[in-house]
Amino acid sequence: MSFLHPFTVSISRTAYSSTSTDGLTQSETVIVASTSASIQLKRDKGFSAPTAFPAPTNTSASMAAWMIYIPLTTAINALGMAGIKDGDLITDLADGRQFKADACEYTPIEWQIACTPYKPTA
């Protein structure tokens, strides 16, 4: 944990396998048990509607895009160059929030992961 990456997260990957009796089974593998990260809400920029127009209905934070930044050296040490993939689940260990990775890329400094909130089906 650091000033730039104040959160601690875990990263897991879901795998599906087929069995002859049960059909499709799902298993979740923890890839990184604990690493530092920065979790930020990404707000849309640009056009703002005049007050005469009705407010958009999908502006809640739960449907917003989130960005998660993980130091590159930490991710490479834990994952190798394969890194984080689309569809991986990132869990904030402090409060249990989960995010699904939608797009991942790495820069010379850190992994940048565009995410959406993930709510597991019960």
Protein backbone atom coordinates (compact mmCIF):
# COMPACT_ATOMS: atom_id res chain seq x y z
CA MET A 1 0.00 0.00 0.00
CA SER A 2 1.25 3.46 -0.83
CA PHE A 3 0.03 7.02 -1.18
CA LEU A 4 -0.64 6.51 -4.91
CA HIS A 5 -2.17 3.05 -4.49
CA PRO A 6 -4.04 3.13 -1.15
CA PHE A 7 -6.29 0.09 -1.65
CA THR A 8 -5.51 -3.60 -1.28
CA VAL A 9 -7.15 -5.88 -3.85
CA SER A 10 -7.16 -9.51 -4.91
CA ILE A 11 -7.51 -10.70 -8.49
CA SER A 12 -9.26 -13.91 -9.49
CA ARG A 13 -10.05 -15.59 -12.78
CA THR A 14 -13.11 -17.69 -13.55
CA ALA A 15 -12.65 -20.87 -15.56
CA TYR A 16 -15.35 -23.04 -17.05
CA SER A 17 -15.06 -26.74 -17.69
CA SER A 18 -17.44 -29.24 -19.14
CA THR A 19 -18.35 -32.51 -17.48
CA SER A 20 -20.36 -35.33 -18.94
CA THR A 21 -22.84 -35.50 -16.04
CA ASP A 22 -23.30 -31.94 -14.80
CA GLY A 23 -22.81 -29.94 -17.97
CA LEU A 24 -20.79 -26.77 -17.44
CA THR A 25 -19.01 -26.16 -14.13
CA GLN A 26 -17.45 -22.91 -12.98
CA SER A 27 -14.37 -22.55 -10.81
CA GLU A 28 -12.66 -19.42 -9.54
CA THR A 29 -8.89 -19.27 -9.10
CA VAL A 30 -7.23 -16.53 -7.08
CA ILE A 31 -4.34 -15.21 -9.17
CA VAL A 32 -3.10 -12.51 -6.80
CA ALA A 33 -4.11 -12.77 -3.16
CA SER A 34 -3.14 -9.24 -2.14
CA THR A 35 -1.67 -6.28 -4.03
CA SER A 36 -1.86 -2.51 -3.79
CA ALA A 37 -4.13 -0.59 -6.18
CA SER A 38 -5.89 2.69 -6.82
CA ILE A 39 -9.66 2.52 -7.44
CA GLN A 40 -11.20 5.58 -9.08
CA LEU A 41 -14.62 6.43 -10.49
CA LYS A 42 -14.31 7.56 -14.09
CA ARG A 43 -16.71 10.39 -14.79
CA ASP A 44 -17.90 11.29 -18.28
CA LYS A 45 -16.62 14.58 -19.63
CA GLY A 46 -17.96 16.72 -22.41
CA PHE A 47 -21.51 17.74 -23.22
CA SER A 48 -23.75 18.60 -20.32
CA ALA A 49 -27.45 18.89 -21.01
CA PRO A 50 -29.22 22.17 -20.29
CA THR A 51 -31.57 22.08 -17.33
CA ALA A 52 -34.60 22.06 -19.67
CA PHE A 53 -33.79 18.47 -20.72
CA PRO A 54 -34.71 15.60 -18.41
CA ALA A 55 -31.81 14.08 -16.51
CA PRO A 56 -30.44 10.81 -17.89
CA THR A 57 -31.68 7.76 -16.03
CA ASN A 58 -28.43 5.80 -16.06
CA THR A 59 -26.17 8.18 -14.15
CA SER A 60 -25.82 6.16 -10.96
CA ALA A 61 -22.34 5.26 -9.78
CA SER A 62 -23.24 1.56 -9.89
CA MET A 63 -23.44 1.69 -13.70
CA ALA A 64 -20.47 4.03 -14.11
CA ALA A 65 -17.06 3.03 -15.36
CA TRP A 66 -14.38 2.53 -12.77
CA MET A 67 -10.62 2.57 -13.31
CA ILE A 68 -8.27 0.43 -11.27
CA TYR A 69 -4.54 1.08 -11.37
CA ILE A 70 -2.08 -1.57 -10.17
CA PRO A 71 1.68 -0.92 -10.06
CA LEU A 72 3.29 -2.74 -12.98
CA THR A 73 6.16 -4.20 -10.99
CA THR A 74 3.74 -5.74 -8.49
CA ALA A 75 1.61 -7.25 -11.24
CA ILE A 76 4.59 -8.62 -13.18
CA ASN A 77 6.06 -10.19 -10.03
CA ALA A 78 2.75 -11.88 -9.25
CA LEU A 79 1.46 -12.71 -12.75
CA GLY A 80 4.36 -12.62 -15.15
CA MET A 81 3.82 -10.84 -18.45
CA ALA A 82 0.49 -12.65 -19.02
CA GLY A 83 -0.96 -10.14 -16.60
CA ILE A 84 -4.56 -9.23 -16.03
CA LYS A 85 -7.13 -10.26 -18.61
CA ASP A 86 -10.60 -9.08 -19.59
CA GLY A 87 -13.16 -10.83 -17.41
CA ASP A 88 -10.93 -11.13 -14.33
CA LEU A 89 -12.57 -10.22 -11.02
CA ILE A 90 -10.92 -7.63 -8.81
CA THR A 91 -12.04 -7.55 -5.17
CA ASP A 92 -11.39 -4.66 -2.79
CA LEU A 93 -10.28 -6.47 0.36
CA ALA A 94 -11.36 -3.62 2.66
CA ASP A 95 -15.08 -3.63 1.88
CA GLY A 96 -15.65 -6.57 -0.48
CA ARG A 97 -16.60 -4.53 -3.58
CA GLN A 98 -16.05 -6.52 -6.76
CA PHE A 99 -15.26 -5.26 -10.24
CA LYS A 100 -15.16 -7.09 -13.56
CA ALA A 101 -12.24 -6.13 -15.82
CA ASP A 102 -13.59 -4.94 -19.16
CA ALA A 103 -10.38 -3.64 -20.76
CA CYS A 104 -6.81 -3.97 -19.55
CA GLU A 105 -3.60 -2.38 -20.71
CA TYR A 106 -0.26 -1.74 -19.19
CA THR A 107 1.86 1.37 -19.35
CA PRO A 108 5.48 1.69 -18.22
CA ILE A 109 4.19 2.56 -14.75
CA GLU A 110 1.06 0.52 -14.04
CA TRP A 111 -1.76 -1.67 -15.27
CA GLN A 112 -4.81 0.41 -16.20
CA ILE A 113 -8.01 -1.59 -15.93
CA ALA A 114 -11.42 -0.27 -17.00
CA CYS A 115 -14.03 -2.04 -14.87
CA THR A 116 -17.70 -2.26 -14.11
CA PRO A 117 -19.17 -3.21 -10.73
CA TYR A 118 -19.77 -6.94 -10.42
CA LYS A 119 -22.67 -8.38 -8.47
CA PRO A 120 -22.51 -12.17 -8.23
CA THR A 121 -25.74 -14.04 -8.84
CA ALA A 122 -26.97 -15.92 -5.82
